[in-house]
Amino acid sequence: MTTKKPAKRIIKTPKQIQRALVLREAGYSIAAISVKTAISPATLTRHFKKHGAVRGSLSLTAVEDARQELLSDSGFIGELRHQIAASITDDMAHVVALRESMALILEEIMKDAALPSHYKSRAIAALATSLTLTQKAARIALSVDDQPVEQDQLPTLHITELTADDIFQMRNEQIRLNEEMGISCEAIEVVETTG
Protein backbone atom coordinates (compact mmCIF):
# COMPACT_ATOMS: atom_id res chain seq x y z
CA MET A 1 0.00 0.00 0.00
CA THR A 2 1.45 3.34 -1.06
CA THR A 3 0.96 6.39 1.03
CA LYS A 4 0.14 9.67 -0.59
CA LYS A 5 2.67 12.39 0.12
CA PRO A 6 1.16 15.60 1.46
CA ALA A 7 1.11 18.49 -0.97
CA LYS A 8 4.07 20.76 -0.64
CA ARG A 9 3.00 24.07 0.87
CA ILE A 10 4.55 27.13 -0.62
CA ILE A 11 4.84 29.86 1.97
CA LYS A 12 3.72 33.22 0.68
CA THR A 13 5.77 36.26 1.59
CA PRO A 14 4.22 39.15 3.54
CA LYS A 15 4.70 41.33 0.43
CA GLN A 16 2.63 38.89 -1.69
CA ILE A 17 -0.13 38.83 0.94
CA GLN A 18 -0.03 42.63 1.22
CA ARG A 19 -0.40 42.94 -2.54
CA ALA A 20 -3.36 40.52 -2.49
CA LEU A 21 -5.02 42.51 0.34
CA VAL A 22 -4.58 45.78 -1.56
CA LEU A 23 -6.03 44.26 -4.72
CA ARG A 24 -9.02 42.86 -2.80
CA GLU A 25 -9.78 46.15 -1.09
CA ALA A 26 -9.36 47.91 -4.43
CA GLY A 27 -12.26 45.82 -5.75
CA TYR A 28 -10.64 42.88 -7.52
CA SER A 29 -12.36 39.49 -7.43
CA ILE A 30 -10.69 36.53 -5.74
CA ALA A 31 -10.26 34.83 -9.13
CA ALA A 32 -8.51 37.89 -10.59
CA ILE A 33 -6.25 38.24 -7.55
CA SER A 34 -5.39 34.55 -7.74
CA VAL A 35 -4.26 34.99 -11.35
CA LYS A 36 -2.27 38.14 -10.56
CA THR A 37 -0.54 36.80 -7.45
CA ALA A 38 -0.36 33.03 -8.13
CA ILE A 39 -1.96 32.42 -4.72
CA SER A 40 -4.78 29.86 -4.59
CA PRO A 41 -8.34 31.15 -4.02
CA ALA A 42 -8.58 29.12 -0.77
CA THR A 43 -5.41 30.72 0.62
CA LEU A 44 -6.60 34.16 -0.44
CA THR A 45 -9.98 33.65 1.24
CA ARG A 46 -8.25 32.57 4.44
CA HIS A 47 -6.00 35.65 4.49
CA PHE A 48 -8.87 37.99 3.59
CA LYS A 49 -10.88 36.69 6.58
CA LYS A 50 -7.84 36.88 8.87
CA HIS A 51 -7.09 40.51 7.92
CA GLY A 52 -10.71 41.63 7.45
CA ALA A 53 -10.19 42.62 3.82
CA VAL A 54 -13.48 43.56 2.17
CA ARG A 55 -13.84 43.93 -1.57
CA GLY A 56 -13.85 47.56 -2.68
CA SER A 57 -13.36 49.08 0.79
CA LEU A 58 -10.30 51.17 -0.06
CA SER A 59 -10.60 54.90 -0.61
CA LEU A 60 -9.29 56.37 -3.85
CA THR A 61 -6.33 57.84 -1.98
CA ALA A 62 -5.36 54.46 -0.56
CA VAL A 63 -5.68 52.85 -3.98
CA GLU A 64 -3.43 55.54 -5.49
CA ASP A 65 -0.86 55.05 -2.70
CA ALA A 66 -0.87 51.29 -3.29
CA ARG A 67 -0.58 51.82 -7.03
CA GLN A 68 2.45 54.08 -6.56
CA GLU A 69 4.06 51.52 -4.27
CA LEU A 70 3.51 48.77 -6.83
CA LEU A 71 4.86 50.95 -9.63
CA SER A 72 8.03 51.61 -7.64
CA ASP A 73 8.59 47.84 -7.33
CA SER A 74 10.93 46.92 -10.21
CA GLY A 75 9.83 43.26 -10.17
CA PHE A 76 6.21 44.28 -10.55
CA ILE A 77 7.08 46.64 -13.43
CA GLY A 78 9.01 43.89 -15.23
CA GLU A 79 6.08 41.50 -14.85
CA LEU A 80 3.67 44.18 -16.03
CA ARG A 81 5.81 44.92 -19.10
CA HIS A 82 5.95 41.22 -19.90
CA GLN A 83 2.14 40.91 -19.61
CA ILE A 84 1.59 43.98 -21.80
CA ALA A 85 4.04 42.72 -24.44
CA ALA A 86 2.39 39.28 -24.44
CA SER A 87 -1.04 40.86 -24.78
CA ILE A 88 0.05 43.08 -27.68
CA THR A 89 1.74 40.15 -29.43
CA ASP A 90 -1.42 38.08 -28.99
CA ASP A 91 -3.66 40.87 -30.30
CA MET A 92 -1.47 41.45 -33.34
CA ALA A 93 -1.34 37.71 -34.12
CA HIS A 94 -5.14 37.63 -34.10
CA VAL A 95 -5.32 40.69 -36.35
CA VAL A 96 -2.95 39.07 -38.85
CA ALA A 97 -4.87 35.78 -38.79
CA LEU A 98 -8.19 37.56 -39.31
CA ARG A 99 -6.84 39.60 -42.21
CA GLU A 100 -5.40 36.51 -43.91
CA SER A 101 -8.76 34.74 -43.52
CA MET A 102 -10.63 37.76 -44.88
CA ALA A 103 -8.37 37.88 -47.95
CA LEU A 104 -9.01 34.19 -48.66
CA ILE A 105 -12.77 34.59 -48.17
CA LEU A 106 -12.89 37.63 -50.45
CA GLU A 107 -11.01 35.73 -53.14
CA GLU A 108 -13.44 32.78 -52.91
CA ILE A 109 -16.48 35.06 -53.00
CA MET A 110 -15.29 36.88 -56.09
CA LYS A 111 -14.48 33.59 -57.91
CA ASP A 112 -17.89 32.04 -57.16
CA ALA A 113 -19.95 32.79 -60.30
CA ALA A 114 -23.01 30.99 -58.88
CA LEU A 115 -23.24 33.34 -55.89
CA PRO A 116 -25.85 36.08 -56.49
CA SER A 117 -24.51 39.64 -56.55
CA HIS A 118 -26.56 40.75 -53.52
CA TYR A 119 -24.91 38.00 -51.44
CA LYS A 120 -21.51 39.13 -52.69
CA SER A 121 -22.35 42.73 -51.71
CA ARG A 122 -23.36 41.66 -48.21
CA ALA A 123 -20.23 39.57 -47.81
CA ILE A 124 -18.00 42.41 -49.00
CA ALA A 125 -19.72 44.83 -46.60
CA ALA A 126 -19.17 42.39 -43.72
CA LEU A 127 -15.51 41.97 -44.68
CA ALA A 128 -15.08 45.76 -44.86
CA THR A 129 -16.53 46.06 -41.34
CA SER A 130 -14.21 43.31 -40.13
CA LEU A 131 -11.26 45.08 -41.73
CA THR A 132 -12.16 48.31 -39.93
CA LEU A 133 -12.44 46.46 -36.62
CA THR A 134 -9.06 44.77 -37.07
CA GLN A 135 -7.51 48.16 -37.87
CA LYS A 136 -8.99 49.57 -34.65
CA ALA A 137 -7.76 46.56 -32.67
CA ALA A 138 -4.24 47.04 -34.05
CA ARG A 139 -4.29 50.78 -33.31
CA ILE A 140 -5.45 50.13 -29.75
CA ALA A 141 -2.94 47.33 -29.17
CA LEU A 142 -0.09 49.51 -30.38
CA SER A 143 -1.46 52.72 -28.77
CA VAL A 144 -1.03 54.47 -32.11
CA ASP A 145 -3.50 57.24 -31.33
CA ASP A 146 -1.87 57.96 -27.96
CA GLN A 147 1.51 58.75 -29.50
CA PRO A 148 2.28 62.48 -29.57
CA VAL A 149 3.26 63.93 -32.92
CA GLU A 150 6.59 65.66 -32.62
CA GLN A 151 6.99 68.68 -34.83
CA ASP A 152 10.59 67.69 -35.57
CA GLN A 153 9.35 64.58 -37.36
CA LEU A 154 7.16 66.43 -39.84
CA PRO A 155 8.87 67.13 -43.19
CA THR A 156 9.14 70.66 -44.49
CA LEU A 157 7.86 71.37 -47.99
CA HIS A 158 9.92 73.89 -49.96
CA ILE A 159 8.44 75.26 -53.17
CA THR A 160 10.71 77.02 -55.61
CA GLU A 161 10.05 78.27 -59.12
CA LEU A 162 11.99 76.53 -61.88
CA THR A 163 14.25 78.72 -63.94
CA ALA A 164 14.67 78.42 -67.69
CA ASP A 165 18.05 76.72 -67.08
CA ASP A 166 16.40 74.19 -64.70
CA ILE A 167 13.80 73.34 -67.34
CA PHE A 168 16.46 73.03 -70.05
CA GLN A 169 18.53 70.63 -67.89
CA MET A 170 15.44 68.55 -67.03
CA ARG A 171 14.51 68.22 -70.72
CA ASN A 172 18.04 67.18 -71.66
CA GLU A 173 18.08 64.59 -68.85
CA GLN A 174 14.73 63.21 -70.02
CA ILE A 175 15.95 62.98 -73.61
CA ARG A 176 19.10 61.18 -72.48
CA LEU A 177 17.06 58.69 -70.41
CA ASN A 178 14.64 58.10 -73.29
CA GLU A 179 17.52 57.38 -75.67
CA GLU A 180 19.03 54.91 -73.18
CA MET A 181 15.69 53.10 -72.99
CA GLY A 182 15.22 53.16 -76.77
CA ILE A 183 12.28 55.57 -76.76
CA SER A 184 12.08 57.86 -79.78
CA CYS A 185 12.16 61.52 -78.84
CA GLU A 186 10.72 62.66 -82.22
CA ALA A 187 7.12 62.13 -81.02
CA ILE A 188 7.65 64.34 -77.95
CA GLU A 189 6.39 67.83 -78.48
CA VAL A 190 8.17 70.61 -76.61
CA VAL A 191 5.99 73.59 -75.87
CA GLU A 192 7.77 76.81 -75.06
CA THR A 193 5.90 79.25 -72.86
CA THR A 194 6.80 82.80 -72.23
CA GLY A 195 5.89 84.54 -69.01
C-alpha atoms as a PDB file:
ATOM      1  CA  MET A   1       0.000   0.000   0.000  1.00  0.00           C
ATOM      2  CA  THR A   2       1.454   3.336  -1.057  1.00  0.00           C
ATOM      3  CA  THR A   3       0.963   6.389   1.033  1.00  0.00           C
ATOM      4  CA  LYS A   4       0.143   9.673  -0.587  1.00  0.00           C
ATOM      5  CA  LYS A   5       2.669  12.388   0.115  1.00  0.00           C
ATOM      6  CA  PRO A   6       1.160  15.597   1.463  1.00  0.00           C
ATOM      7  CA  ALA A   7       1.105  18.487  -0.971  1.00  0.00           C
ATOM      8  CA  LYS A   8       4.072  20.758  -0.641  1.00  0.00           C
ATOM      9  CA  ARG A   9       2.997  24.072   0.867  1.00  0.00           C
ATOM     10  CA  ILE A  10       4.555  27.131  -0.618  1.00  0.00           C
ATOM     11  CA  ILE A  11       4.845  29.865   1.965  1.00  0.00           C
ATOM     12  CA  LYS A  12       3.717  33.220   0.681  1.00  0.00           C
ATOM     13  CA  THR A  13       5.771  36.262   1.585  1.00  0.00           C
ATOM     14  CA  PRO A  14       4.224  39.151   3.539  1.00  0.00           C
ATOM     15  CA  LYS A  15       4.697  41.332   0.434  1.00  0.00           C
ATOM     16  CA  GLN A  16       2.626  38.893  -1.690  1.00  0.00           C
ATOM     17  CA  ILE A  17      -0.128  38.827   0.944  1.00  0.00           C
ATOM     18  CA  GLN A  18      -0.026  42.627   1.217  1.00  0.00           C
ATOM     19  CA  ARG A  19      -0.398  42.937  -2.545  1.00  0.00           C
ATOM     20  CA  ALA A  20      -3.364  40.524  -2.493  1.00  0.00           C
ATOM     21  CA  LEU A  21      -5.017  42.509   0.337  1.00  0.00           C
ATOM     22  CA  VAL A  22      -4.576  45.782  -1.555  1.00  0.00           C
ATOM     23  CA  LEU A  23      -6.031  44.261  -4.720  1.00  0.00           C
ATOM     24  CA  ARG A  24      -9.024  42.865  -2.797  1.00  0.00           C
ATOM     25  CA  GLU A  25      -9.778  46.152  -1.089  1.00  0.00           C
ATOM     26  CA  ALA A  26      -9.358  47.913  -4.425  1.00  0.00           C
ATOM     27  CA  GLY A  27     -12.259  45.817  -5.749  1.00  0.00           C
ATOM     28  CA  TYR A  28     -10.641  42.877  -7.519  1.00  0.00           C
ATOM     29  CA  SER A  29     -12.357  39.493  -7.425  1.00  0.00           C
ATOM     30  CA  ILE A  30     -10.694  36.526  -5.735  1.00  0.00           C
ATOM     31  CA  ALA A  31     -10.262  34.833  -9.127  1.00  0.00           C
ATOM     32  CA  ALA A  32      -8.513  37.894 -10.594  1.00  0.00           C
ATOM     33  CA  ILE A  33      -6.255  38.242  -7.546  1.00  0.00           C
ATOM     34  CA  SER A  34      -5.393  34.549  -7.742  1.00  0.00           C
ATOM     35  CA  VAL A  35      -4.259  34.991 -11.350  1.00  0.00           C
ATOM     36  CA  LYS A  36      -2.266  38.141 -10.556  1.00  0.00           C
ATOM     37  CA  THR A  37      -0.540  36.798  -7.449  1.00  0.00           C
ATOM     38  CA  ALA A  38      -0.356  33.026  -8.129  1.00  0.00           C
ATOM     39  CA  ILE A  39      -1.957  32.419  -4.718  1.00  0.00           C
ATOM     40  CA  SER A  40      -4.782  29.856  -4.590  1.00  0.00           C
ATOM     41  CA  PRO A  41      -8.335  31.155  -4.019  1.00  0.00           C
ATOM     42  CA  ALA A  42      -8.579  29.116  -0.772  1.00  0.00           C
ATOM     43  CA  THR A  43      -5.405  30.715   0.615  1.00  0.00           C
ATOM     44  CA  LEU A  44      -6.603  34.159  -0.437  1.00  0.00           C
ATOM     45  CA  THR A  45      -9.978  33.654   1.243  1.00  0.00           C
ATOM     46  CA  ARG A  46      -8.247  32.568   4.440  1.00  0.00           C
ATOM     47  CA  HIS A  47      -5.999  35.646   4.486  1.00  0.00           C
ATOM     48  CA  PHE A  48      -8.866  37.994   3.594  1.00  0.00           C
ATOM     49  CA  LYS A  49     -10.879  36.691   6.584  1.00  0.00           C
ATOM     50  CA  LYS A  50      -7.837  36.880   8.867  1.00  0.00           C
ATOM     51  CA  HIS A  51      -7.095  40.512   7.921  1.00  0.00           C
ATOM     52  CA  GLY A  52     -10.711  41.633   7.455  1.00  0.00           C
ATOM     53  CA  ALA A  53     -10.188  42.623   3.820  1.00  0.00           C
ATOM     54  CA  VAL A  54     -13.480  43.556   2.173  1.00  0.00           C
ATOM     55  CA  ARG A  55     -13.842  43.930  -1.567  1.00  0.00           C
ATOM     56  CA  GLY A  56     -13.850  47.559  -2.681  1.00  0.00           C
ATOM     57  CA  SER A  57     -13.361  49.079   0.791  1.00  0.00           C
ATOM     58  CA  LEU A  58     -10.297  51.174  -0.058  1.00  0.00           C
ATOM     59  CA  SER A  59     -10.599  54.895  -0.610  1.00  0.00           C
ATOM     60  CA  LEU A  60      -9.288  56.369  -3.851  1.00  0.00           C
ATOM     61  CA  THR A  61      -6.327  57.843  -1.982  1.00  0.00           C
ATOM     62  CA  ALA A  62      -5.358  54.462  -0.562  1.00  0.00           C
ATOM     63  CA  VAL A  63      -5.678  52.848  -3.984  1.00  0.00           C
ATOM     64  CA  GLU A  64      -3.431  55.539  -5.490  1.00  0.00           C
ATOM     65  CA  ASP A  65      -0.859  55.051  -2.700  1.00  0.00           C
ATOM     66  CA  ALA A  66      -0.866  51.293  -3.287  1.00  0.00           C
ATOM     67  CA  ARG A  67      -0.576  51.817  -7.028  1.00  0.00           C
ATOM     68  CA  GLN A  68       2.448  54.080  -6.562  1.00  0.00           C
ATOM     69  CA  GLU A  69       4.056  51.516  -4.272  1.00  0.00           C
ATOM     70  CA  LEU A  70       3.513  48.768  -6.827  1.00  0.00           C
ATOM     71  CA  LEU A  71       4.858  50.950  -9.626  1.00  0.00           C
ATOM     72  CA  SER A  72       8.035  51.606  -7.643  1.00  0.00           C
ATOM     73  CA  ASP A  73       8.592  47.841  -7.329  1.00  0.00           C
ATOM     74  CA  SER A  74      10.929  46.924 -10.215  1.00  0.00           C
ATOM     75  CA  GLY A  75       9.829  43.265 -10.167  1.00  0.00           C
ATOM     76  CA  PHE A  76       6.211  44.276 -10.554  1.00  0.00           C
ATOM     77  CA  ILE A  77       7.085  46.641 -13.432  1.00  0.00           C
ATOM     78  CA  GLY A  78       9.011  43.892 -15.230  1.00  0.00           C
ATOM     79  CA  GLU A  79       6.084  41.500 -14.847  1.00  0.00           C
ATOM     80  CA  LEU A  80       3.675  44.184 -16.033  1.00  0.00           C
ATOM     81  CA  ARG A  81       5.807  44.920 -19.100  1.00  0.00           C
ATOM     82  CA  HIS A  82       5.946  41.219 -19.902  1.00  0.00           C
ATOM     83  CA  GLN A  83       2.141  40.913 -19.612  1.00  0.00           C
ATOM     84  CA  ILE A  84       1.595  43.979 -21.796  1.00  0.00           C
ATOM     85  CA  ALA A  85       4.038  42.724 -24.438  1.00  0.00           C
ATOM     86  CA  ALA A  86       2.394  39.280 -24.444  1.00  0.00           C
ATOM     87  CA  SER A  87      -1.041  40.858 -24.781  1.00  0.00           C
ATOM     88  CA  ILE A  88       0.053  43.084 -27.683  1.00  0.00           C
ATOM     89  CA  THR A  89       1.736  40.146 -29.431  1.00  0.00           C
ATOM     90  CA  ASP A  90      -1.424  38.079 -28.987  1.00  0.00           C
ATOM     91  CA  ASP A  91      -3.664  40.874 -30.298  1.00  0.00           C
ATOM     92  CA  MET A  92      -1.465  41.447 -33.342  1.00  0.00           C
ATOM     93  CA  ALA A  93      -1.338  37.710 -34.118  1.00  0.00           C
ATOM     94  CA  HIS A  94      -5.145  37.626 -34.097  1.00  0.00           C
ATOM     95  CA  VAL A  95      -5.322  40.692 -36.350  1.00  0.00           C
ATOM     96  CA  VAL A  96      -2.945  39.071 -38.851  1.00  0.00           C
ATOM     97  CA  ALA A  97      -4.871  35.777 -38.794  1.00  0.00           C
ATOM     98  CA  LEU A  98      -8.189  37.563 -39.307  1.00  0.00           C
ATOM     99  CA  ARG A  99      -6.838  39.604 -42.209  1.00  0.00           C
ATOM    100  CA  GLU A 100      -5.405  36.510 -43.915  1.00  0.00           C
ATOM    101  CA  SER A 101      -8.758  34.744 -43.524  1.00  0.00           C
ATOM    102  CA  MET A 102     -10.627  37.764 -44.882  1.00  0.00           C
ATOM    103  CA  ALA A 103      -8.372  37.884 -47.954  1.00  0.00           C
ATOM    104  CA  LEU A 104      -9.013  34.194 -48.663  1.00  0.00           C
ATOM    105  CA  ILE A 105     -12.766  34.586 -48.170  1.00  0.00           C
ATOM    106  CA  LEU A 106     -12.895  37.632 -50.452  1.00  0.00           C
ATOM    107  CA  GLU A 107     -11.012  35.731 -53.138  1.00  0.00           C
ATOM    108  CA  GLU A 108     -13.444  32.776 -52.906  1.00  0.00           C
ATOM    109  CA  ILE A 109     -16.483  35.060 -52.996  1.00  0.00           C
ATOM    110  CA  MET A 110     -15.292  36.879 -56.090  1.00  0.00           C
ATOM    111  CA  LYS A 111     -14.482  33.591 -57.908  1.00  0.00           C
ATOM    112  CA  ASP A 112     -17.885  32.044 -57.160  1.00  0.00           C
ATOM    113  CA  ALA A 113     -19.946  32.791 -60.299  1.00  0.00           C
ATOM    114  CA  ALA A 114     -23.006  30.992 -58.879  1.00  0.00           C
ATOM    115  CA  LEU A 115     -23.244  33.343 -55.890  1.00  0.00           C
ATOM    116  CA  PRO A 116     -25.852  36.078 -56.492  1.00  0.00           C
ATOM    117  CA  SER A 117     -24.507  39.642 -56.553  1.00  0.00           C
ATOM    118  CA  HIS A 118     -26.562  40.747 -53.523  1.00  0.00           C
ATOM    119  CA  TYR A 119     -24.908  38.001 -51.440  1.00  0.00           C
ATOM    120  CA  LYS A 120     -21.507  39.132 -52.693  1.00  0.00           C
ATOM    121  CA  SER A 121     -22.354  42.726 -51.713  1.00  0.00           C
ATOM    122  CA  ARG A 122     -23.361  41.658 -48.213  1.00  0.00           C
ATOM    123  CA  ALA A 123     -20.226  39.569 -47.806  1.00  0.00           C
ATOM    124  CA  ILE A 124     -18.000  42.410 -49.001  1.00  0.00           C
ATOM    125  CA  ALA A 125     -19.721  44.834 -46.601  1.00  0.00           C
ATOM    126  CA  ALA A 126     -19.173  42.391 -43.720  1.00  0.00           C
ATOM    127  CA  LEU A 127     -15.512  41.975 -44.677  1.00  0.00           C
ATOM    128  CA  ALA A 128     -15.084  45.765 -44.862  1.00  0.00           C
ATOM    129  CA  THR A 129     -16.533  46.062 -41.343  1.00  0.00           C
ATOM    130  CA  SER A 130     -14.207  43.306 -40.128  1.00  0.00           C
ATOM    131  CA  LEU A 131     -11.256  45.075 -41.731  1.00  0.00           C
ATOM    132  CA  THR A 132     -12.164  48.312 -39.928  1.00  0.00           C
ATOM    133  CA  LEU A 133     -12.437  46.465 -36.619  1.00  0.00           C
ATOM    134  CA  THR A 134      -9.056  44.771 -37.074  1.00  0.00           C
ATOM    135  CA  GLN A 135      -7.508  48.162 -37.867  1.00  0.00           C
ATOM    136  CA  LYS A 136      -8.994  49.572 -34.655  1.00  0.00           C
ATOM    137  CA  ALA A 137      -7.756  46.562 -32.675  1.00  0.00           C
ATOM    138  CA  ALA A 138      -4.245  47.037 -34.047  1.00  0.00           C
ATOM    139  CA  ARG A 139      -4.295  50.783 -33.307  1.00  0.00           C
ATOM    140  CA  ILE A 140      -5.454  50.130 -29.745  1.00  0.00           C
ATOM    141  CA  ALA A 141      -2.941  47.325 -29.174  1.00  0.00           C
ATOM    142  CA  LEU A 142      -0.087  49.507 -30.378  1.00  0.00           C
ATOM    143  CA  SER A 143      -1.465  52.717 -28.765  1.00  0.00           C
ATOM    144  CA  VAL A 144      -1.029  54.473 -32.107  1.00  0.00           C
ATOM    145  CA  ASP A 145      -3.503  57.236 -31.330  1.00  0.00           C
ATOM    146  CA  ASP A 146      -1.866  57.964 -27.959  1.00  0.00           C
ATOM    147  CA  GLN A 147       1.514  58.750 -29.500  1.00  0.00           C
ATOM    148  CA  PRO A 148       2.283  62.476 -29.570  1.00  0.00           C
ATOM    149  CA  VAL A 149       3.255  63.933 -32.917  1.00  0.00           C
ATOM    150  CA  GLU A 150       6.591  65.664 -32.618  1.00  0.00           C
ATOM    151  CA  GLN A 151       6.994  68.684 -34.828  1.00  0.00           C
ATOM    152  CA  ASP A 152      10.593  67.694 -35.571  1.00  0.00           C
ATOM    153  CA  GLN A 153       9.350  64.579 -37.357  1.00  0.00           C
ATOM    154  CA  LEU A 154       7.158  66.428 -39.845  1.00  0.00           C
ATOM    155  CA  PRO A 155       8.866  67.128 -43.193  1.00  0.00           C
ATOM    156  CA  THR A 156       9.136  70.663 -44.493  1.00  0.00           C
ATOM    157  CA  LEU A 157       7.863  71.367 -47.988  1.00  0.00           C
ATOM    158  CA  HIS A 158       9.921  73.890 -49.959  1.00  0.00           C
ATOM    159  CA  ILE A 159       8.438  75.255 -53.168  1.00  0.00           C
ATOM    160  CA  THR A 160      10.713  77.024 -55.614  1.00  0.00           C
ATOM    161  CA  GLU A 161      10.050  78.270 -59.116  1.00  0.00           C
ATOM    162  CA  LEU A 162      11.989  76.527 -61.880  1.00  0.00           C
ATOM    163  CA  THR A 163      14.247  78.718 -63.941  1.00  0.00           C
ATOM    164  CA  ALA A 164      14.674  78.418 -67.691  1.00  0.00           C
ATOM    165  CA  ASP A 165      18.049  76.721 -67.082  1.00  0.00           C
ATOM    166  CA  ASP A 166      16.400  74.187 -64.700  1.00  0.00           C
ATOM    167  CA  ILE A 167      13.798  73.337 -67.336  1.00  0.00           C
ATOM    168  CA  PHE A 168      16.463  73.025 -70.049  1.00  0.00           C
ATOM    169  CA  GLN A 169      18.527  70.632 -67.886  1.00  0.00           C
ATOM    170  CA  MET A 170      15.437  68.550 -67.027  1.00  0.00           C
ATOM    171  CA  ARG A 171      14.512  68.222 -70.722  1.00  0.00           C
ATOM    172  CA  ASN A 172      18.042  67.184 -71.665  1.00  0.00           C
ATOM    173  CA  GLU A 173      18.080  64.595 -68.850  1.00  0.00           C
ATOM    174  CA  GLN A 174      14.734  63.212 -70.022  1.00  0.00           C
ATOM    175  CA  ILE A 175      15.945  62.982 -73.608  1.00  0.00           C
ATOM    176  CA  ARG A 176      19.102  61.177 -72.477  1.00  0.00           C
ATOM    177  CA  LEU A 177      17.058  58.686 -70.408  1.00  0.00           C
ATOM    178  CA  ASN A 178      14.638  58.102 -73.287  1.00  0.00           C
ATOM    179  CA  GLU A 179      17.521  57.384 -75.667  1.00  0.00           C
ATOM    180  CA  GLU A 180      19.027  54.908 -73.179  1.00  0.00           C
ATOM    181  CA  MET A 181      15.690  53.100 -72.987  1.00  0.00           C
ATOM    182  CA  GLY A 182      15.222  53.155 -76.767  1.00  0.00           C
ATOM    183  CA  ILE A 183      12.284  55.573 -76.761  1.00  0.00           C
ATOM    184  CA  SER A 184      12.079  57.860 -79.782  1.00  0.00           C
ATOM    185  CA  CYS A 185      12.164  61.524 -78.840  1.00  0.00           C
ATOM    186  CA  GLU A 186      10.721  62.663 -82.217  1.00  0.00           C
ATOM    187  CA  ALA A 187       7.120  62.132 -81.023  1.00  0.00           C
ATOM    188  CA  ILE A 188       7.651  64.340 -77.946  1.00  0.00           C
ATOM    189  CA  GLU A 189       6.394  67.834 -78.482  1.00  0.00           C
ATOM    190  CA  VAL A 190       8.170  70.608 -76.614  1.00  0.00           C
ATOM    191  CA  VAL A 191       5.990  73.591 -75.870  1.00  0.00           C
ATOM    192  CA  GLU A 192       7.766  76.811 -75.061  1.00  0.00           C
ATOM    193  CA  THR A 193       5.897  79.247 -72.861  1.00  0.00           C
ATOM    194  CA  THR A 194       6.803  82.803 -72.233  1.00  0.00           C
ATOM    195  CA  GLY A 195       5.889  84.536 -69.010  1.00  0.00           C
END
